[in-house]
Protein backbone atom coordinates (compact mmCIF):
# COMPACT_ATOMS: atom_id res chain seq x y z
CA MET A 1 107.84 77.86 75.96
CA LYS A 2 104.39 76.40 75.37
CA ILE A 3 101.62 78.94 75.76
CA ALA A 4 97.95 78.95 74.87
CA LYS A 5 96.66 82.51 75.19
CA GLY A 6 92.87 82.44 75.07
CA PRO A 7 90.61 84.86 73.19
CA ASN A 8 90.22 86.95 76.36
CA GLY A 9 93.91 86.81 77.20
CA PHE A 10 95.74 84.77 79.78
CA ARG A 11 94.18 83.71 83.06
CA VAL A 12 96.06 85.63 85.74
CA THR A 13 96.55 84.16 89.20
CA ILE A 14 98.41 85.81 92.04
CA ARG A 15 100.22 84.02 94.83
CA PRO A 16 98.62 84.70 98.24
CA ASN A 17 101.63 86.58 99.62
CA VAL A 18 101.63 89.00 96.68
CA GLN A 19 97.84 89.45 96.85
CA ALA A 20 98.01 90.15 100.59
CA LEU A 21 100.62 92.85 99.98
CA ALA A 22 98.54 94.39 97.18
CA ASP A 23 95.39 94.31 99.34
CA ASP A 24 97.21 96.05 102.18
CA ILE A 25 98.48 98.79 99.88
CA CYS A 26 95.03 99.17 98.28
CA ALA A 27 93.53 99.74 101.73
CA HIS A 28 95.87 102.68 102.38
CA HIS A 29 96.27 104.28 98.94
CA PRO A 30 93.07 105.10 97.04
CA GLU A 31 94.76 105.31 93.62
CA PHE A 32 96.55 101.97 93.91
CA PRO A 33 93.63 99.68 92.90
CA ARG A 34 93.38 101.36 89.48
CA HIS A 35 97.09 100.87 88.84
CA TRP A 36 97.02 97.27 90.12
CA ALA A 37 94.05 96.46 87.84
CA ALA A 38 95.91 97.97 84.86
CA LEU A 39 98.93 95.80 85.63
CA ILE A 40 96.78 92.67 85.71
CA GLU A 41 95.18 93.65 82.38
CA ARG A 42 98.61 94.11 80.86
CA LEU A 43 99.66 90.64 81.98
CA LYS A 44 96.43 89.19 80.56
CA ALA A 45 97.22 90.72 77.19
CA SER A 46 100.99 90.32 76.92
CA GLY A 47 102.35 88.37 79.89
CA HIS A 48 104.37 86.19 77.53
CA LEU A 49 106.11 89.24 76.00
CA ALA A 50 106.39 91.75 78.85
CA GLY A 51 109.52 91.91 80.96
CA SER A 52 112.64 89.82 80.49
CA PRO A 53 113.07 86.05 80.54
CA VAL A 54 114.70 84.43 83.56
CA ASP A 55 115.27 81.01 82.02
CA ASP A 56 116.10 79.56 78.62
CA ASN A 57 112.52 78.73 77.64
CA ALA A 58 111.22 82.14 78.82
CA SER A 59 108.44 80.65 80.96
CA HIS A 60 109.62 82.66 83.97
CA ARG A 61 109.82 86.42 83.48
CA TYR A 62 110.51 89.52 85.54
CA GLY A 63 110.19 93.20 84.97
CA VAL A 64 109.41 96.66 86.21
CA ILE A 65 106.02 97.60 84.85
CA GLN A 66 104.50 101.06 85.03
CA PRO A 67 100.94 100.86 83.68
CA PHE A 68 100.48 104.64 83.56
CA ALA A 69 103.17 107.22 82.82
CA ASN A 70 102.62 109.08 86.08
CA GLY A 71 101.80 106.04 88.20
CA PRO A 72 103.76 103.72 90.46
CA ARG A 73 106.18 101.12 89.19
CA PHE A 74 105.68 97.48 90.04
CA ARG A 75 108.65 95.14 90.23
CA ILE A 76 107.23 91.69 89.72
CA ALA A 77 108.15 88.19 88.65
CA TRP A 78 105.71 85.84 86.95
CA SER A 79 105.52 82.55 85.15
CA VAL A 80 103.64 81.71 81.96
CA VAL A 81 102.45 78.14 81.56
CA GLY A 82 99.75 77.17 79.10
CA ASP A 83 96.95 79.72 79.33
CA LYS A 84 97.92 80.97 82.80
CA VAL A 85 100.14 83.77 84.08
CA THR A 86 101.04 83.44 87.77
CA VAL A 87 102.45 86.42 89.66
CA ILE A 88 104.97 84.87 92.03
CA LEU A 89 106.81 87.89 93.48
CA GLY A 90 105.92 91.53 93.83
CA GLU A 91 107.40 94.73 95.21
CA PHE A 92 105.42 97.91 95.14
């Protein structure tokens, strides 16, 4: 896997279908935006290490991430290529 994590972490992009789902949940649950932001920060910092690899070169990963001990769990899949982490699937 070839990665190039920048000094401020990875650039995180989110596929439109995942972002639409997150936006819908944020509109109905006032605590969700804080948890979603924490998840994105975690991927920025350690997207290449979090979760489990899907393929041999570990560029595609999946995992259940719970940013806060008492918060919701996010089941997501993402890819790491260069300096970018892309969230490709999400279940909340």
